């Protein structure tokens, strides 16, 4: 169905920055809420360890997906296209 990884950002010297890697949902499961569930779980787990999560994408469909989830599009962080501030008050509800 889908896969996604979370690591300490190797492009930053700040251990409070995590990086989402290899986030992928199989075509037959897209637009069914799988990506939302997977990303919500990754961010929920990331809140325990990081203050910021970054990622890099170069695909058009991925950009609006991450932006709709609350990610900001910017190159502020090295080798990243998007970032998300992990605040315990910032929670997104899953819509299926």
PDB file of N, CA and C in Angstrom:
ATOM      1  N   UNK A   1       0.813  -1.191   0.000  1.00  0.00           N
ATOM      2  CA  UNK A   1       0.000   0.000   0.000  1.00  0.00           C
ATOM      3  C   UNK A   1       0.855   1.253   0.000  1.00  0.00           C
ATOM      4  N   UNK A   2       1.709   1.398   1.017  1.00  0.00           N
ATOM      5  CA  UNK A   2       2.538   2.587   1.113  1.00  0.00           C
ATOM      6  C   UNK A   2       3.711   2.375   2.033  1.00  0.00           C
ATOM      7  N   UNK A   3       4.678   3.266   1.925  1.00  0.00           N
ATOM      8  CA  UNK A   3       5.876   3.190   2.746  1.00  0.00           C
ATOM      9  C   UNK A   3       6.399   4.601   2.959  1.00  0.00           C
ATOM     10  N   UNK A   4       7.062   4.822   4.068  1.00  0.00           N
ATOM     11  CA  UNK A   4       7.697   6.102   4.344  1.00  0.00           C
ATOM     12  C   UNK A   4       8.674   5.947   5.487  1.00  0.00           C
ATOM     13  N   UNK A   5       9.763   6.669   5.416  1.00  0.00           N
ATOM     14  CA  UNK A   5      10.782   6.586   6.448  1.00  0.00           C
ATOM     15  C   UNK A   5      11.005   7.924   7.122  1.00  0.00           C
ATOM     16  N   UNK A   6      11.604   7.876   8.310  1.00  0.00           N
ATOM     17  CA  UNK A   6      11.920   9.076   9.084  1.00  0.00           C
ATOM     18  C   UNK A   6      13.303   8.892   9.675  1.00  0.00           C
ATOM     19  N   UNK A   7      14.174   9.865   9.432  1.00  0.00           N
ATOM     20  CA  UNK A   7      15.531   9.818   9.968  1.00  0.00           C
ATOM     21  C   UNK A   7      15.910  11.189  10.507  1.00  0.00           C
ATOM     22  N   UNK A   8      17.019  11.239  11.214  1.00  0.00           N
ATOM     23  CA  UNK A   8      17.626  12.533  11.531  1.00  0.00           C
ATOM     24  C   UNK A   8      18.086  13.106  10.196  1.00  0.00           C
ATOM     25  N   UNK A   9      17.861  14.388   9.978  1.00  0.00           N
ATOM     26  CA  UNK A   9      18.223  15.002   8.702  1.00  0.00           C
ATOM     27  C   UNK A   9      19.744  14.987   8.535  1.00  0.00           C
ATOM     28  N   UNK A  10      20.254  14.242   7.563  1.00  0.00           N
ATOM     29  CA  UNK A  10      21.707  14.159   7.389  1.00  0.00           C
ATOM     30  C   UNK A  10      22.331  15.427   6.798  1.00  0.00           C
ATOM     31  N   UNK A  11      21.505  16.347   6.316  1.00  0.00           N
ATOM     32  CA  UNK A  11      22.014  17.577   5.705  1.00  0.00           C
ATOM     33  C   UNK A  11      22.062  18.736   6.689  1.00  0.00           C
ATOM     34  N   UNK A  12      21.704  18.483   7.928  1.00  0.00           N
ATOM     35  CA  UNK A  12      21.683  19.523   8.953  1.00  0.00           C
ATOM     36  C   UNK A  12      22.550  19.088  10.131  1.00  0.00           C
ATOM     37  N   UNK A  13      23.081  20.034  10.841  1.00  0.00           N
ATOM     38  CA  UNK A  13      23.820  19.737  12.069  1.00  0.00           C
ATOM     39  C   UNK A  13      22.913  19.754  13.282  1.00  0.00           C
ATOM     40  N   UNK A  14      21.645  19.976  13.067  1.00  0.00           N
ATOM     41  CA  UNK A  14      20.672  20.098  14.152  1.00  0.00           C
ATOM     42  C   UNK A  14      19.928  18.778  14.332  1.00  0.00           C
ATOM     43  N   UNK A  15      20.102  18.135  15.469  1.00  0.00           N
ATOM     44  CA  UNK A  15      19.456  16.843  15.754  1.00  0.00           C
ATOM     45  C   UNK A  15      17.955  16.980  15.981  1.00  0.00           C
ATOM     46  N   UNK A  16      17.441  18.212  16.007  1.00  0.00           N
ATOM     47  CA  UNK A  16      16.001  18.450  16.175  1.00  0.00           C
ATOM     48  C   UNK A  16      15.260  18.476  14.847  1.00  0.00           C
ATOM     49  N   UNK A  17      15.972  18.207  13.761  1.00  0.00           N
ATOM     50  CA  UNK A  17      15.358  18.210  12.438  1.00  0.00           C
ATOM     51  C   UNK A  17      15.323  16.783  11.894  1.00  0.00           C
ATOM     52  N   UNK A  18      14.120  16.325  11.602  1.00  0.00           N
ATOM     53  CA  UNK A  18      13.945  15.002  11.013  1.00  0.00           C
ATOM     54  C   UNK A  18      13.681  15.131   9.522  1.00  0.00           C
ATOM     55  N   UNK A  19      13.885  14.048   8.808  1.00  0.00           N
ATOM     56  CA  UNK A  19      13.662  14.049   7.365  1.00  0.00           C
ATOM     57  C   UNK A  19      12.772  12.866   6.994  1.00  0.00           C
ATOM     58  N   UNK A  20      11.714  13.168   6.253  1.00  0.00           N
ATOM     59  CA  UNK A  20      10.863  12.115   5.701  1.00  0.00           C
ATOM     60  C   UNK A  20      11.518  11.656   4.407  1.00  0.00           C
ATOM     61  N   UNK A  21      11.671  10.329   4.311  1.00  0.00           N
ATOM     62  CA  UNK A  21      12.352   9.762   3.150  1.00  0.00           C
ATOM     63  C   UNK A  21      11.535   8.627   2.559  1.00  0.00           C
ATOM     64  N   UNK A  22      11.676   8.455   1.274  1.00  0.00           N
ATOM     65  CA  UNK A  22      11.068   7.320   0.570  1.00  0.00           C
ATOM     66  C   UNK A  22       9.567   7.185   0.835  1.00  0.00           C
ATOM     67  N   UNK A  23       8.866   8.310   0.844  1.00  0.00           N
ATOM     68  CA  UNK A  23       7.422   8.292   1.058  1.00  0.00           C
ATOM     69  C   UNK A  23       6.757   7.959  -0.266  1.00  0.00           C
ATOM     70  N   UNK A  24       6.018   6.864  -0.285  1.00  0.00           N
ATOM     71  CA  UNK A  24       5.417   6.409  -1.531  1.00  0.00           C
ATOM     72  C   UNK A  24       4.133   5.639  -1.240  1.00  0.00           C
ATOM     73  N   UNK A  25       3.111   5.904  -2.051  1.00  0.00           N
ATOM     74  CA  UNK A  25       1.859   5.146  -1.989  1.00  0.00           C
ATOM     75  C   UNK A  25       1.636   4.536  -3.365  1.00  0.00           C
ATOM     76  N   UNK A  26       1.359   3.246  -3.389  1.00  0.00           N
ATOM     77  CA  UNK A  26       1.106   2.529  -4.638  1.00  0.00           C
ATOM     78  C   UNK A  26      -0.044   3.191  -5.400  1.00  0.00           C
ATOM     79  N   UNK A  27       0.073   3.270  -6.698  1.00  0.00           N
ATOM     80  CA  UNK A  27      -0.938   3.954  -7.520  1.00  0.00           C
ATOM     81  C   UNK A  27      -2.350   3.441  -7.265  1.00  0.00           C
ATOM     82  N   UNK A  28      -2.495   2.156  -7.050  1.00  0.00           N
ATOM     83  CA  UNK A  28      -3.837   1.595  -6.854  1.00  0.00           C
ATOM     84  C   UNK A  28      -4.457   1.986  -5.515  1.00  0.00           C
ATOM     85  N   UNK A  29      -3.661   2.580  -4.604  1.00  0.00           N
ATOM     86  CA  UNK A  29      -4.188   2.991  -3.303  1.00  0.00           C
ATOM     87  C   UNK A  29      -4.205   4.509  -3.128  1.00  0.00           C
ATOM     88  N   UNK A  30      -3.788   5.240  -4.135  1.00  0.00           N
ATOM     89  CA  UNK A  30      -3.784   6.707  -4.030  1.00  0.00           C
ATOM     90  C   UNK A  30      -5.203   7.250  -4.043  1.00  0.00           C
ATOM     91  N   UNK A  31      -5.360   8.405  -3.404  1.00  0.00           N
ATOM     92  CA  UNK A  31      -6.633   9.122  -3.322  1.00  0.00           C
ATOM     93  C   UNK A  31      -7.692   8.340  -2.543  1.00  0.00           C
ATOM     94  N   UNK A  32      -7.219   7.479  -1.629  1.00  0.00           N
ATOM     95  CA  UNK A  32      -8.112   6.711  -0.772  1.00  0.00           C
ATOM     96  C   UNK A  32      -7.808   6.955   0.708  1.00  0.00           C
ATOM     97  N   UNK A  33      -6.932   7.898   0.998  1.00  0.00           N
ATOM     98  CA  UNK A  33      -6.608   8.218   2.383  1.00  0.00           C
ATOM     99  C   UNK A  33      -5.376   7.515   2.928  1.00  0.00           C
ATOM    100  N   UNK A  34      -4.771   6.646   2.142  1.00  0.00           N
ATOM    101  CA  UNK A  34      -3.593   5.910   2.612  1.00  0.00           C
ATOM    102  C   UNK A  34      -2.440   6.869   2.896  1.00  0.00           C
ATOM    103  N   UNK A  35      -2.187   7.785   1.980  1.00  0.00           N
ATOM    104  CA  UNK A  35      -1.111   8.758   2.182  1.00  0.00           C
ATOM    105  C   UNK A  35      -1.344   9.622   3.402  1.00  0.00           C
ATOM    106  N   UNK A  36      -2.596  10.049   3.604  1.00  0.00           N
ATOM    107  CA  UNK A  36      -2.920  10.856   4.791  1.00  0.00           C
ATOM    108  C   UNK A  36      -2.640  10.087   6.073  1.00  0.00           C
ATOM    109  N   UNK A  37      -3.077   8.842   6.118  1.00  0.00           N
ATOM    110  CA  UNK A  37      -2.854   8.023   7.317  1.00  0.00           C
ATOM    111  C   UNK A  37      -1.370   7.800   7.578  1.00  0.00           C
ATOM    112  N   UNK A  38      -0.637   7.474   6.524  1.00  0.00           N
ATOM    113  CA  UNK A  38       0.781   7.215   6.669  1.00  0.00           C
ATOM    114  C   UNK A  38       1.529   8.460   7.121  1.00  0.00           C
ATOM    115  N   UNK A  39       1.238   9.589   6.495  1.00  0.00           N
ATOM    116  CA  UNK A  39       1.916  10.828   6.872  1.00  0.00           C
ATOM    117  C   UNK A  39       1.543  11.250   8.287  1.00  0.00           C
ATOM    118  N   UNK A  40       0.297  11.085   8.663  1.00  0.00           N
ATOM    119  CA  UNK A  40      -0.104  11.432  10.026  1.00  0.00           C
ATOM    120  C   UNK A  40       0.649  10.577  11.049  1.00  0.00           C
ATOM    121  N   UNK A  41       0.808   9.300  10.767  1.00  0.00           N
ATOM    122  CA  UNK A  41       1.542   8.420  11.682  1.00  0.00           C
ATOM    123  C   UNK A  41       3.013   8.817  11.772  1.00  0.00           C
ATOM    124  N   UNK A  42       3.611   9.136  10.651  1.00  0.00           N
ATOM    125  CA  UNK A  42       5.013   9.555  10.659  1.00  0.00           C
ATOM    126  C   UNK A  42       5.188  10.832  11.466  1.00  0.00           C
ATOM    127  N   UNK A  43       4.300  11.808  11.262  1.00  0.00           N
ATOM    128  CA  UNK A  43       4.403  13.073  12.006  1.00  0.00           C
ATOM    129  C   UNK A  43       4.125  12.870  13.484  1.00  0.00           C
ATOM    130  N   UNK A  44       3.195  12.014  13.817  1.00  0.00           N
ATOM    131  CA  UNK A  44       2.905  11.722  15.219  1.00  0.00           C
ATOM    132  C   UNK A  44       4.136  11.131  15.909  1.00  0.00           C
ATOM    133  N   UNK A  45       4.784  10.213  15.249  1.00  0.00           N
ATOM    134  CA  UNK A  45       6.006   9.606  15.787  1.00  0.00           C
ATOM    135  C   UNK A  45       7.128  10.643  15.857  1.00  0.00           C
ATOM    136  N   UNK A  46       7.246  11.472  14.816  1.00  0.00           N
ATOM    137  CA  UNK A  46       8.313  12.482  14.750  1.00  0.00           C
ATOM    138  C   UNK A  46       8.222  13.480  15.896  1.00  0.00           C
ATOM    139  N   UNK A  47       7.027  13.776  16.375  1.00  0.00           N
ATOM    140  CA  UNK A  47       6.846  14.740  17.468  1.00  0.00           C
ATOM    141  C   UNK A  47       7.594  14.324  18.733  1.00  0.00           C
ATOM    142  N   UNK A  48       7.853  13.042  18.869  1.00  0.00           N
ATOM    143  CA  UNK A  48       8.557  12.544  20.054  1.00  0.00           C
ATOM    144  C   UNK A  48      10.042  12.872  20.017  1.00  0.00           C
ATOM    145  N   UNK A  49      10.585  13.166  18.827  1.00  0.00           N
ATOM    146  CA  UNK A  49      12.025  13.304  18.675  1.00  0.00           C
ATOM    147  C   UNK A  49      12.497  14.611  18.038  1.00  0.00           C
ATOM    148  N   UNK A  50      11.633  15.241  17.241  1.00  0.00           N
ATOM    149  CA  UNK A  50      12.064  16.387  16.444  1.00  0.00           C
ATOM    150  C   UNK A  50      11.171  17.606  16.660  1.00  0.00           C
ATOM    151  N   UNK A  51      11.698  18.762  16.272  1.00  0.00           N
ATOM    152  CA  UNK A  51      10.928  20.007  16.290  1.00  0.00           C
ATOM    153  C   UNK A  51      10.479  20.398  14.886  1.00  0.00           C
ATOM    154  N   UNK A  52      11.212  19.921  13.898  1.00  0.00           N
ATOM    155  CA  UNK A  52      10.930  20.230  12.493  1.00  0.00           C
ATOM    156  C   UNK A  52      11.120  18.954  11.680  1.00  0.00           C
ATOM    157  N   UNK A  53      10.282  18.773  10.676  1.00  0.00           N
ATOM    158  CA  UNK A  53      10.455  17.684   9.717  1.00  0.00           C
ATOM    159  C   UNK A  53      10.575  18.312   8.340  1.00  0.00           C
ATOM    160  N   UNK A  54      11.538  17.847   7.573  1.00  0.00           N
ATOM    161  CA  UNK A  54      11.753  18.343   6.216  1.00  0.00           C
ATOM    162  C   UNK A  54      11.639  17.188   5.232  1.00  0.00           C
ATOM    163  N   UNK A  55      11.514  17.542   3.964  1.00  0.00           N
ATOM    164  CA  UNK A  55      11.501  16.531   2.910  1.00  0.00           C
ATOM    165  C   UNK A  55      11.887  17.189   1.604  1.00  0.00           C
ATOM    166  N   UNK A  56      12.178  16.353   0.636  1.00  0.00           N
ATOM    167  CA  UNK A  56      12.491  16.847  -0.709  1.00  0.00           C
ATOM    168  C   UNK A  56      11.638  16.068  -1.691  1.00  0.00           C
ATOM    169  N   UNK A  57      10.954  16.789  -2.554  1.00  0.00           N
ATOM    170  CA  UNK A  57      10.189  16.146  -3.618  1.00  0.00           C
ATOM    171  C   UNK A  57      10.344  16.946  -4.897  1.00  0.00           C
ATOM    172  N   UNK A  58      10.268  16.246  -6.004  1.00  0.00           N
ATOM    173  CA  UNK A  58      10.338  16.925  -7.295  1.00  0.00           C
ATOM    174  C   UNK A  58       9.170  16.524  -8.194  1.00  0.00           C
ATOM    175  N   UNK A  59       8.140  15.939  -7.599  1.00  0.00           N
ATOM    176  CA  UNK A  59       6.971  15.548  -8.387  1.00  0.00           C
ATOM    177  C   UNK A  59       5.823  16.520  -8.141  1.00  0.00           C
ATOM    178  N   UNK A  60       5.111  16.833  -9.214  1.00  0.00           N
ATOM    179  CA  UNK A  60       4.002  17.766  -9.082  1.00  0.00           C
ATOM    180  C   UNK A  60       2.904  17.262  -8.131  1.00  0.00           C
ATOM    181  N   UNK A  61       2.440  16.025  -8.219  1.00  0.00           N
ATOM    182  CA  UNK A  61       1.352  15.601  -7.317  1.00  0.00           C
ATOM    183  C   UNK A  61       1.743  15.647  -5.841  1.00  0.00           C
ATOM    184  N   UNK A  62       3.031  15.459  -5.544  1.00  0.00           N
ATOM    185  CA  UNK A  62       3.462  15.447  -4.142  1.00  0.00           C
ATOM    186  C   UNK A  62       3.399  16.839  -3.517  1.00  0.00           C
ATOM    187  N   UNK A  63       3.738  17.860  -4.289  1.00  0.00           N
ATOM    188  CA  UNK A  63       3.759  19.222  -3.743  1.00  0.00           C
ATOM    189  C   UNK A  63       2.407  19.628  -3.144  1.00  0.00           C
ATOM    190  N   UNK A  64       1.303  19.581  -3.876  1.00  0.00           N
ATOM    191  CA  UNK A  64       0.025  19.985  -3.270  1.00  0.00           C
ATOM    192  C   UNK A  64      -0.413  19.056  -2.128  1.00  0.00           C
ATOM    193  N   UNK A  65      -0.008  17.790  -2.195  1.00  0.00           N
ATOM    194  CA  UNK A  65      -0.336  16.869  -1.097  1.00  0.00           C
ATOM    195  C   UNK A  65       0.299  17.358   0.196  1.00  0.00           C
ATOM    196  N   UNK A  66       1.590  17.627   0.179  1.00  0.00           N
ATOM    197  CA  UNK A  66       2.279  18.076   1.388  1.00  0.00           C
ATOM    198  C   UNK A  66       1.789  19.454   1.840  1.00  0.00           C
ATOM    199  N   UNK A  67       1.578  20.352   0.905  1.00  0.00           N
ATOM    200  CA  UNK A  67       1.080  21.693   1.250  1.00  0.00           C
ATOM    201  C   UNK A  67      -0.301  21.597   1.898  1.00  0.00           C
ATOM    202  N   UNK A  68      -1.156  20.721   1.381  1.00  0.00           N
ATOM    203  CA  UNK A  68      -2.490  20.579   1.969  1.00  0.00           C
ATOM    204  C   UNK A  68      -2.422  20.022   3.390  1.00  0.00           C
ATOM    205  N   UNK A  69      -1.349  19.364   3.714  1.00  0.00           N
ATOM    206  CA  UNK A  69      -1.171  18.791   5.041  1.00  0.00           C
ATOM    207  C   UNK A  69      -0.585  19.803   6.018  1.00  0.00           C
ATOM    208  N   UNK A  70      -0.117  20.933   5.492  1.00  0.00           N
ATOM    209  CA  UNK A  70       0.433  21.974   6.353  1.00  0.00           C
ATOM    210  C   UNK A  70       1.917  22.226   6.170  1.00  0.00           C
ATOM    211  N   UNK A  71       2.548  21.512   5.262  1.00  0.00           N
ATOM    212  CA  UNK A  71       3.958  21.749   4.988  1.00  0.00           C
ATOM    213  C   UNK A  71       4.110  23.076   4.256  1.00  0.00           C
ATOM    214  N   UNK A  72       5.202  23.760   4.524  1.00  0.00           N
ATOM    215  CA  UNK A  72       5.540  25.008   3.838  1.00  0.00           C
ATOM    216  C   UNK A  72       6.578  24.699   2.762  1.00  0.00           C
ATOM    217  N   UNK A  73       6.357  25.260   1.590  1.00  0.00           N
ATOM    218  CA  UNK A  73       7.287  25.046   0.484  1.00  0.00           C
ATOM    219  C   UNK A  73       8.361  26.123   0.543  1.00  0.00           C
ATOM    220  N   UNK A  74       9.606  25.683   0.713  1.00  0.00           N
ATOM    221  CA  UNK A  74      10.728  26.604   0.808  1.00  0.00           C
ATOM    222  C   UNK A  74      12.031  25.827   0.702  1.00  0.00           C
ATOM    223  N   UNK A  75      13.091  26.510   0.406  1.00  0.00           N
ATOM    224  CA  UNK A  75      14.408  25.873   0.407  1.00  0.00           C
ATOM    225  C   UNK A  75      15.239  26.350   1.597  1.00  0.00           C
ATOM    226  N   UNK A  76      14.576  26.718   2.683  1.00  0.00           N
ATOM    227  CA  UNK A  76      15.245  27.213   3.888  1.00  0.00           C
ATOM    228  C   UNK A  76      16.208  26.181   4.466  1.00  0.00           C
ATOM    229  N   UNK A  77      15.823  24.914   4.421  1.00  0.00           N
ATOM    230  CA  UNK A  77      16.651  23.852   4.974  1.00  0.00           C
ATOM    231  C   UNK A  77      17.418  23.172   3.838  1.00  0.00           C
ATOM    232  N   UNK A  78      18.680  22.810   4.063  1.00  0.00           N
ATOM    233  CA  UNK A  78      19.502  22.224   2.991  1.00  0.00           C
ATOM    234  C   UNK A  78      18.871  20.970   2.379  1.00  0.00           C
ATOM    235  N   UNK A  79      18.938  20.884   1.063  1.00  0.00           N
ATOM    236  CA  UNK A  79      18.457  19.718   0.328  1.00  0.00           C
ATOM    237  C   UNK A  79      16.985  19.394   0.608  1.00  0.00           C
ATOM    238  N   UNK A  80      16.180  20.411   0.887  1.00  0.00           N
ATOM    239  CA  UNK A  80      14.762  20.222   1.188  1.00  0.00           C
ATOM    240  C   UNK A  80      13.909  21.149   0.334  1.00  0.00           C
ATOM    241  N   UNK A  81      12.700  20.695   0.055  1.00  0.00           N
ATOM    242  CA  UNK A  81      11.748  21.541  -0.664  1.00  0.00           C
ATOM    243  C   UNK A  81      10.585  21.960   0.223  1.00  0.00           C
ATOM    244  N   UNK A  82      10.358  21.234   1.338  1.00  0.00           N
ATOM    245  CA  UNK A  82       9.236  21.500   2.234  1.00  0.00           C
ATOM    246  C   UNK A  82       9.656  21.265   3.685  1.00  0.00           C
ATOM    247  N   UNK A  83       8.994  21.974   4.596  1.00  0.00           N
ATOM    248  CA  UNK A  83       9.217  21.719   6.021  1.00  0.00           C
ATOM    249  C   UNK A  83       7.899  21.801   6.770  1.00  0.00           C
ATOM    250  N   UNK A  84       7.876  21.194   7.947  1.00  0.00           N
ATOM    251  CA  UNK A  84       6.693  21.181   8.808  1.00  0.00           C
ATOM    252  C   UNK A  84       7.168  21.381  10.242  1.00  0.00           C
ATOM    253  N   UNK A  85       6.643  22.406  10.907  1.00  0.00           N
ATOM    254  CA  UNK A  85       6.982  22.641  12.312  1.00  0.00           C
ATOM    255  C   UNK A  85       6.142  21.714  13.176  1.00  0.00           C
ATOM    256  N   UNK A  86       6.808  20.943  14.012  1.00  0.00           N
ATOM    257  CA  UNK A  86       6.123  19.984  14.876  1.00  0.00           C
ATOM    258  C   UNK A  86       5.827  20.633  16.211  1.00  0.00           C
ATOM    259  N   UNK A  87       4.622  21.065  16.360  1.00  0.00           N
ATOM    260  CA  UNK A  87       4.144  21.665  17.594  1.00  0.00           C
ATOM    261  C   UNK A  87       3.076  20.737  18.130  1.00  0.00           C
ATOM    262  N   UNK A  88       3.136  20.416  19.380  1.00  0.00           N
ATOM    263  CA  UNK A  88       2.156  19.481  19.941  1.00  0.00           C
ATOM    264  C   UNK A  88       0.730  19.999  19.778  1.00  0.00           C
ATOM    265  N   UNK A  89       0.569  21.301  19.584  1.00  0.00           N
ATOM    266  CA  UNK A  89      -0.767  21.879  19.388  1.00  0.00           C
ATOM    267  C   UNK A  89      -1.224  21.743  17.936  1.00  0.00           C
ATOM    268  N   UNK A  90      -0.284  21.501  17.026  1.00  0.00           N
ATOM    269  CA  UNK A  90      -0.603  21.400  15.605  1.00  0.00           C
ATOM    270  C   UNK A  90      -0.947  19.972  15.272  1.00  0.00           C
ATOM    271  N   UNK A  91      -2.211  19.676  15.164  1.00  0.00           N
ATOM    272  CA  UNK A  91      -2.640  18.324  14.832  1.00  0.00           C
ATOM    273  C   UNK A  91      -3.582  18.421  13.642  1.00  0.00           C
ATOM    274  N   UNK A  92      -3.452  17.495  12.749  1.00  0.00           N
ATOM    275  CA  UNK A  92      -4.328  17.471  11.583  1.00  0.00           C
ATOM    276  C   UNK A  92      -5.217  16.251  11.682  1.00  0.00           C
ATOM    277  N   UNK A  93      -6.480  16.456  11.446  1.00  0.00           N
ATOM    278  CA  UNK A  93      -7.428  15.366  11.473  1.00  0.00           C
ATOM    279  C   UNK A  93      -7.362  14.595  10.170  1.00  0.00           C
ATOM    280  N   UNK A  94      -7.484  13.306  10.257  1.00  0.00           N
ATOM    281  CA  UNK A  94      -7.496  12.474   9.061  1.00  0.00           C
ATOM    282  C   UNK A  94      -8.858  12.543   8.414  1.00  0.00           C
ATOM    283  N   UNK A  95      -8.867  12.780   7.126  1.00  0.00           N
ATOM    284  CA  UNK A  95     -10.120  12.787   6.365  1.00  0.00           C
ATOM    285  C   UNK A  95     -10.068  11.653   5.374  1.00  0.00           C
ATOM    286  N   UNK A  96     -10.965  10.717   5.519  1.00  0.00           N
ATOM    287  CA  UNK A  96     -10.979   9.575   4.611  1.00  0.00           C
ATOM    288  C   UNK A  96     -12.248   9.621   3.782  1.00  0.00           C
TER     289      UNK A  96
END
